[in-house]
Amino acid sequence: MIDLEQLALAQQTIVDAGDVLYRAGQVPATGGNFSLRLDGAHMAVTASGRHKGRLTPADVMVTDFDVTPVGSPQKPSDEARLHGQLYQDYPEAGAVLHTHSRAATVLSRLIEGDTLKLEGYELQKAIEGVTRHDTLLEVPIVDNSQDIDALAEVVRGRLQGLDTRAYLIRGHGLYTWARDMAGCLRQVEALDFLFDCELMMRRTR
């Protein structure tokens, strides 16, 4: 049984996050999707095709982690499967944000390998689990695919054994997860700053 009071709070939290991220240029058009864990098997997640800067609580639905809708005729985004997978694999994850910023999209195409390595930035400490600027922060990059089930398996394989809170889909955008929405929003902001720094450094070489 879904706790209705908890669901209402989750819906409003996601609506508020959409407003913040849209104003920051992180989710143009109808790009991106957001979610919050409700319990050990369910999440509140944005419905398919919704503009994230104009969300209402009615645009946030409940699914299980295999993306089966619960009590709603709405369709979740196909990419909601990537959210559910993170909740399955990371029991500590309470929120997942997928954004489409310019810096994340461009940098993911510029990197020729399959990992973006960040080191020496003070702002790395905004990422959960990172306590030093000289820690090597690895952000995996996976190739984009419209076959979300296949993409989910690729992502799961890449993340296995890595101590990370984010990955990039090439030419697409960022996925990041944290204990709660506040932490997730902080990570989106910090990572986008770091991505922008990396782009600037490449322009000066």
C-alpha atoms as a PDB file:
ATOM      1  CA  MET A   1       0.000   0.000   0.000  1.00  0.00           C
ATOM      2  CA  ILE A   2       1.407   3.385  -1.051  1.00  0.00           C
ATOM      3  CA  ASP A   3       1.468   5.985   1.720  1.00  0.00           C
ATOM      4  CA  LEU A   4      -0.624   8.800   0.201  1.00  0.00           C
ATOM      5  CA  GLU A   5       0.877  11.515   2.386  1.00  0.00           C
ATOM      6  CA  GLN A   6       4.377  10.409   1.404  1.00  0.00           C
ATOM      7  CA  LEU A   7       3.332  10.309  -2.256  1.00  0.00           C
ATOM      8  CA  ALA A   8       1.924  13.847  -2.130  1.00  0.00           C
ATOM      9  CA  LEU A   9       5.183  15.099  -0.619  1.00  0.00           C
ATOM     10  CA  ALA A  10       7.206  13.249  -3.270  1.00  0.00           C
ATOM     11  CA  GLN A  11       5.072  14.688  -6.073  1.00  0.00           C
ATOM     12  CA  GLN A  12       5.530  18.247  -4.826  1.00  0.00           C
ATOM     13  CA  THR A  13       9.259  17.697  -4.312  1.00  0.00           C
ATOM     14  CA  ILE A  14       9.596  16.547  -7.927  1.00  0.00           C
ATOM     15  CA  VAL A  15       7.524  19.497  -9.178  1.00  0.00           C
ATOM     16  CA  ASP A  16       9.789  21.895  -7.281  1.00  0.00           C
ATOM     17  CA  ALA A  17      12.911  20.174  -8.645  1.00  0.00           C
ATOM     18  CA  GLY A  18      11.569  20.572 -12.185  1.00  0.00           C
ATOM     19  CA  ASP A  19      11.169  24.298 -11.695  1.00  0.00           C
ATOM     20  CA  VAL A  20      14.716  24.648 -10.340  1.00  0.00           C
ATOM     21  CA  LEU A  21      16.301  22.560 -13.089  1.00  0.00           C
ATOM     22  CA  TYR A  22      14.355  24.179 -15.919  1.00  0.00           C
ATOM     23  CA  ARG A  23      15.346  27.653 -14.740  1.00  0.00           C
ATOM     24  CA  ALA A  24      18.967  26.437 -14.646  1.00  0.00           C
ATOM     25  CA  GLY A  25      18.794  25.294 -18.279  1.00  0.00           C
ATOM     26  CA  GLN A  26      19.137  21.630 -17.345  1.00  0.00           C
ATOM     27  CA  VAL A  27      15.978  20.250 -18.956  1.00  0.00           C
ATOM     28  CA  PRO A  28      15.065  22.008 -22.242  1.00  0.00           C
ATOM     29  CA  ALA A  29      11.883  21.110 -24.115  1.00  0.00           C
ATOM     30  CA  THR A  30      10.476  17.928 -22.546  1.00  0.00           C
ATOM     31  CA  GLY A  31      13.923  16.475 -21.816  1.00  0.00           C
ATOM     32  CA  GLY A  32      14.875  14.725 -18.612  1.00  0.00           C
ATOM     33  CA  ASN A  33      13.027  12.691 -16.009  1.00  0.00           C
ATOM     34  CA  PHE A  34      12.977  12.694 -12.211  1.00  0.00           C
ATOM     35  CA  SER A  35      12.085  10.220  -9.490  1.00  0.00           C
ATOM     36  CA  LEU A  36      11.979   9.597  -5.749  1.00  0.00           C
ATOM     37  CA  ARG A  37      11.984   6.256  -3.942  1.00  0.00           C
ATOM     38  CA  LEU A  38       8.742   5.608  -2.079  1.00  0.00           C
ATOM     39  CA  ASP A  39       9.610   2.256  -0.492  1.00  0.00           C
ATOM     40  CA  GLY A  40      11.523  -0.927  -1.246  1.00  0.00           C
ATOM     41  CA  ALA A  41       9.635  -1.595  -4.472  1.00  0.00           C
ATOM     42  CA  HIS A  42       8.067   1.642  -5.733  1.00  0.00           C
ATOM     43  CA  MET A  43       9.038   5.076  -6.996  1.00  0.00           C
ATOM     44  CA  ALA A  44       7.316   8.332  -7.858  1.00  0.00           C
ATOM     45  CA  VAL A  45       8.433   9.275 -11.383  1.00  0.00           C
ATOM     46  CA  THR A  46       7.558  11.871 -14.018  1.00  0.00           C
ATOM     47  CA  ALA A  47       5.104  10.706 -16.662  1.00  0.00           C
ATOM     48  CA  SER A  48       6.198  10.545 -20.284  1.00  0.00           C
ATOM     49  CA  GLY A  49       6.341  13.703 -22.387  1.00  0.00           C
ATOM     50  CA  ARG A  50       5.838  16.249 -19.619  1.00  0.00           C
ATOM     51  CA  HIS A  51       7.648  19.579 -19.742  1.00  0.00           C
ATOM     52  CA  LYS A  52       9.742  19.559 -16.581  1.00  0.00           C
ATOM     53  CA  GLY A  53       9.475  23.305 -16.053  1.00  0.00           C
ATOM     54  CA  ARG A  54       5.665  23.133 -15.999  1.00  0.00           C
ATOM     55  CA  LEU A  55       5.011  20.054 -13.870  1.00  0.00           C
ATOM     56  CA  THR A  56       2.044  19.620 -11.572  1.00  0.00           C
ATOM     57  CA  PRO A  57       1.593  16.827  -9.004  1.00  0.00           C
ATOM     58  CA  ALA A  58      -0.681  15.082 -11.528  1.00  0.00           C
ATOM     59  CA  ASP A  59       2.346  14.682 -13.837  1.00  0.00           C
ATOM     60  CA  VAL A  60       4.103  12.473 -11.269  1.00  0.00           C
ATOM     61  CA  MET A  61       2.979   8.836 -11.175  1.00  0.00           C
ATOM     62  CA  VAL A  62       3.806   5.690  -9.216  1.00  0.00           C
ATOM     63  CA  THR A  63       5.475   2.626 -10.721  1.00  0.00           C
ATOM     64  CA  ASP A  64       7.361  -0.331  -9.385  1.00  0.00           C
ATOM     65  CA  PHE A  65      11.062  -0.592 -10.177  1.00  0.00           C
ATOM     66  CA  ASP A  66      10.262  -2.595 -13.332  1.00  0.00           C
ATOM     67  CA  VAL A  67       8.199   0.444 -14.426  1.00  0.00           C
ATOM     68  CA  THR A  68       4.762  -1.146 -14.105  1.00  0.00           C
ATOM     69  CA  PRO A  69       2.284   1.700 -13.354  1.00  0.00           C
ATOM     70  CA  VAL A  70       0.409   1.566 -10.053  1.00  0.00           C
ATOM     71  CA  GLY A  71      -3.083   3.092 -10.017  1.00  0.00           C
ATOM     72  CA  SER A  72      -2.497   5.357 -13.010  1.00  0.00           C
ATOM     73  CA  PRO A  73      -3.439   5.260 -16.712  1.00  0.00           C
ATOM     74  CA  GLN A  74      -0.455   7.467 -17.532  1.00  0.00           C
ATOM     75  CA  LYS A  75       2.638   6.167 -19.277  1.00  0.00           C
ATOM     76  CA  PRO A  76       6.022   6.512 -17.605  1.00  0.00           C
ATOM     77  CA  SER A  77       8.981   7.567 -19.680  1.00  0.00           C
ATOM     78  CA  ASP A  78      10.752   4.611 -21.278  1.00  0.00           C
ATOM     79  CA  GLU A  79      13.860   5.819 -19.461  1.00  0.00           C
ATOM     80  CA  ALA A  80      12.128   5.328 -16.108  1.00  0.00           C
ATOM     81  CA  ARG A  81      13.580   1.818 -16.352  1.00  0.00           C
ATOM     82  CA  LEU A  82      17.015   3.357 -15.745  1.00  0.00           C
ATOM     83  CA  HIS A  83      15.692   4.968 -12.552  1.00  0.00           C
ATOM     84  CA  GLY A  84      14.194   1.700 -11.312  1.00  0.00           C
ATOM     85  CA  GLN A  85      17.438  -0.113 -11.987  1.00  0.00           C
ATOM     86  CA  LEU A  86      19.374   2.350  -9.832  1.00  0.00           C
ATOM     87  CA  TYR A  87      16.928   1.879  -6.944  1.00  0.00           C
ATOM     88  CA  GLN A  88      17.277  -1.887  -7.291  1.00  0.00           C
ATOM     89  CA  ASP A  89      21.068  -1.793  -7.336  1.00  0.00           C
ATOM     90  CA  TYR A  90      21.647   1.015  -4.820  1.00  0.00           C
ATOM     91  CA  PRO A  91      19.428   0.578  -1.727  1.00  0.00           C
ATOM     92  CA  GLU A  92      20.763   3.869  -0.343  1.00  0.00           C
ATOM     93  CA  ALA A  93      19.526   5.826  -3.398  1.00  0.00           C
ATOM     94  CA  GLY A  94      16.487   7.944  -2.563  1.00  0.00           C
ATOM     95  CA  ALA A  95      16.359  10.206  -5.623  1.00  0.00           C
ATOM     96  CA  VAL A  96      17.431  10.048  -9.270  1.00  0.00           C
ATOM     97  CA  LEU A  97      17.684  12.960 -11.690  1.00  0.00           C
ATOM     98  CA  HIS A  98      18.246  12.746 -15.442  1.00  0.00           C
ATOM     99  CA  THR A  99      19.126  16.068 -17.074  1.00  0.00           C
ATOM    100  CA  HIS A 100      20.040  17.308 -20.555  1.00  0.00           C
ATOM    101  CA  SER A 101      22.416  20.203 -20.020  1.00  0.00           C
ATOM    102  CA  ARG A 102      24.524  21.547 -22.865  1.00  0.00           C
ATOM    103  CA  ALA A 103      27.800  20.881 -21.023  1.00  0.00           C
ATOM    104  CA  ALA A 104      26.948  17.253 -20.230  1.00  0.00           C
ATOM    105  CA  THR A 105      25.748  16.570 -23.763  1.00  0.00           C
ATOM    106  CA  VAL A 106      28.722  18.129 -25.540  1.00  0.00           C
ATOM    107  CA  LEU A 107      31.377  16.762 -23.200  1.00  0.00           C
ATOM    108  CA  SER A 108      29.990  13.235 -23.495  1.00  0.00           C
ATOM    109  CA  ARG A 109      30.558  13.470 -27.265  1.00  0.00           C
ATOM    110  CA  LEU A 110      34.040  14.961 -26.995  1.00  0.00           C
ATOM    111  CA  ILE A 111      35.413  12.241 -24.711  1.00  0.00           C
ATOM    112  CA  GLU A 112      36.733   9.466 -26.936  1.00  0.00           C
ATOM    113  CA  GLY A 113      36.927   6.805 -24.234  1.00  0.00           C
ATOM    114  CA  ASP A 114      34.252   5.410 -21.972  1.00  0.00           C
ATOM    115  CA  THR A 115      35.109   7.341 -18.798  1.00  0.00           C
ATOM    116  CA  LEU A 116      35.329  11.005 -17.833  1.00  0.00           C
ATOM    117  CA  LYS A 117      37.950  11.394 -15.105  1.00  0.00           C
ATOM    118  CA  LEU A 118      37.724  14.392 -12.787  1.00  0.00           C
ATOM    119  CA  GLU A 119      40.442  15.227 -10.290  1.00  0.00           C
ATOM    120  CA  GLY A 120      41.748  18.294  -8.492  1.00  0.00           C
ATOM    121  CA  TYR A 121      38.478  20.223  -8.310  1.00  0.00           C
ATOM    122  CA  GLU A 122      37.341  21.418  -4.883  1.00  0.00           C
ATOM    123  CA  LEU A 123      33.710  21.111  -5.959  1.00  0.00           C
ATOM    124  CA  GLN A 124      34.076  17.347  -6.328  1.00  0.00           C
ATOM    125  CA  LYS A 125      33.331  17.285  -2.611  1.00  0.00           C
ATOM    126  CA  ALA A 126      29.709  18.166  -3.420  1.00  0.00           C
ATOM    127  CA  ILE A 127      29.296  14.554  -4.580  1.00  0.00           C
ATOM    128  CA  GLU A 128      28.175  12.050  -1.952  1.00  0.00           C
ATOM    129  CA  GLY A 129      31.092  10.010  -0.653  1.00  0.00           C
ATOM    130  CA  VAL A 130      33.807  12.374  -1.930  1.00  0.00           C
ATOM    131  CA  THR A 131      35.745  14.109   0.844  1.00  0.00           C
ATOM    132  CA  ARG A 132      38.925  15.313  -0.910  1.00  0.00           C
ATOM    133  CA  HIS A 133      39.640  17.418  -3.978  1.00  0.00           C
ATOM    134  CA  ASP A 134      42.426  15.055  -5.032  1.00  0.00           C
ATOM    135  CA  THR A 135      40.119  12.032  -5.196  1.00  0.00           C
ATOM    136  CA  LEU A 136      39.755  10.587  -8.701  1.00  0.00           C
ATOM    137  CA  LEU A 137      36.094  10.891  -9.640  1.00  0.00           C
ATOM    138  CA  GLU A 138      35.177   8.612 -12.522  1.00  0.00           C
ATOM    139  CA  VAL A 139      32.007   9.240 -14.514  1.00  0.00           C
ATOM    140  CA  PRO A 140      31.255   6.335 -16.888  1.00  0.00           C
ATOM    141  CA  ILE A 141      30.031   7.151 -20.397  1.00  0.00           C
ATOM    142  CA  VAL A 142      27.777   4.724 -22.262  1.00  0.00           C
ATOM    143  CA  ASP A 143      26.630   4.973 -25.864  1.00  0.00           C
ATOM    144  CA  ASN A 144      23.056   6.063 -26.425  1.00  0.00           C
ATOM    145  CA  SER A 145      20.420   3.560 -27.516  1.00  0.00           C
ATOM    146  CA  GLN A 146      16.671   3.614 -28.065  1.00  0.00           C
ATOM    147  CA  ASP A 147      16.551   0.026 -26.771  1.00  0.00           C
ATOM    148  CA  ILE A 148      16.183   0.928 -23.097  1.00  0.00           C
ATOM    149  CA  ASP A 149      16.283  -2.669 -21.823  1.00  0.00           C
ATOM    150  CA  ALA A 150      19.607  -3.214 -23.595  1.00  0.00           C
ATOM    151  CA  LEU A 151      20.878   0.171 -22.415  1.00  0.00           C
ATOM    152  CA  ALA A 152      19.924  -0.686 -18.836  1.00  0.00           C
ATOM    153  CA  GLU A 153      22.027  -3.850 -18.992  1.00  0.00           C
ATOM    154  CA  VAL A 154      24.996  -1.930 -20.412  1.00  0.00           C
ATOM    155  CA  VAL A 155      24.685   0.646 -17.631  1.00  0.00           C
ATOM    156  CA  ARG A 156      24.428  -2.047 -14.954  1.00  0.00           C
ATOM    157  CA  GLY A 157      27.578  -3.693 -16.253  1.00  0.00           C
ATOM    158  CA  ARG A 158      29.520  -0.415 -16.379  1.00  0.00           C
ATOM    159  CA  LEU A 159      28.532   0.613 -12.863  1.00  0.00           C
ATOM    160  CA  GLN A 160      29.315  -2.709 -11.252  1.00  0.00           C
ATOM    161  CA  GLY A 161      32.171  -2.311  -8.804  1.00  0.00           C
ATOM    162  CA  LEU A 162      32.494   1.454  -9.316  1.00  0.00           C
ATOM    163  CA  ASP A 163      32.141   3.953  -6.478  1.00  0.00           C
ATOM    164  CA  THR A 164      30.251   6.611  -8.410  1.00  0.00           C
ATOM    165  CA  ARG A 165      27.037   8.609  -8.183  1.00  0.00           C
ATOM    166  CA  ALA A 166      26.690   9.535 -11.846  1.00  0.00           C
ATOM    167  CA  TYR A 167      27.029   8.419 -15.440  1.00  0.00           C
ATOM    168  CA  LEU A 168      26.660  10.038 -18.855  1.00  0.00           C
ATOM    169  CA  ILE A 169      24.825   8.772 -21.921  1.00  0.00           C
ATOM    170  CA  ARG A 170      26.739   9.932 -24.965  1.00  0.00           C
ATOM    171  CA  GLY A 171      25.052  12.816 -26.751  1.00  0.00           C
ATOM    172  CA  HIS A 172      22.142  12.551 -24.350  1.00  0.00           C
ATOM    173  CA  GLY A 173      22.723  13.640 -20.771  1.00  0.00           C
ATOM    174  CA  LEU A 174      23.459  12.948 -17.120  1.00  0.00           C
ATOM    175  CA  TYR A 175      22.061  10.477 -14.602  1.00  0.00           C
ATOM    176  CA  THR A 176      22.880  11.080 -10.958  1.00  0.00           C
ATOM    177  CA  TRP A 177      21.500   9.648  -7.715  1.00  0.00           C
ATOM    178  CA  ALA A 178      21.717  10.525  -4.033  1.00  0.00           C
ATOM    179  CA  ARG A 179      20.110   9.844  -0.667  1.00  0.00           C
ATOM    180  CA  ASP A 180      17.478  12.539  -1.202  1.00  0.00           C
ATOM    181  CA  MET A 181      16.366  15.168  -3.673  1.00  0.00           C
ATOM    182  CA  ALA A 182      18.408  17.945  -2.065  1.00  0.00           C
ATOM    183  CA  GLY A 183      21.580  15.905  -2.492  1.00  0.00           C
ATOM    184  CA  CYS A 184      20.659  14.997  -6.040  1.00  0.00           C
ATOM    185  CA  LEU A 185      20.055  18.633  -6.987  1.00  0.00           C
ATOM    186  CA  ARG A 186      23.386  19.573  -5.430  1.00  0.00           C
ATOM    187  CA  GLN A 187      25.130  16.924  -7.504  1.00  0.00           C
ATOM    188  CA  VAL A 188      23.507  18.067 -10.752  1.00  0.00           C
ATOM    189  CA  GLU A 189      24.678  21.619 -10.073  1.00  0.00           C
ATOM    190  CA  ALA A 190      28.191  20.568  -9.078  1.00  0.00           C
ATOM    191  CA  LEU A 191      28.658  18.111 -11.923  1.00  0.00           C
ATOM    192  CA  ASP A 192      27.474  20.592 -14.519  1.00  0.00           C
ATOM    193  CA  PHE A 193      29.983  23.135 -13.178  1.00  0.00           C
ATOM    194  CA  LEU A 194      32.727  20.499 -13.426  1.00  0.00           C
ATOM    195  CA  PHE A 195      31.670  19.539 -16.954  1.00  0.00           C
ATOM    196  CA  ASP A 196      31.785  23.197 -17.959  1.00  0.00           C
ATOM    197  CA  CYS A 197      35.278  23.521 -16.463  1.00  0.00           C
ATOM    198  CA  GLU A 198      36.421  20.516 -18.466  1.00  0.00           C
ATOM    199  CA  LEU A 199      35.035  22.030 -21.662  1.00  0.00           C
ATOM    200  CA  MET A 200      36.826  25.318 -20.968  1.00  0.00           C
ATOM    201  CA  MET A 201      40.108  23.518 -20.348  1.00  0.00           C
ATOM    202  CA  ARG A 202      39.793  21.706 -23.658  1.00  0.00           C
ATOM    203  CA  ARG A 203      39.272  25.001 -25.457  1.00  0.00           C
ATOM    204  CA  THR A 204      42.506  26.383 -24.020  1.00  0.00           C
ATOM    205  CA  ARG A 205      44.737  23.460 -24.984  1.00  0.00           C
END
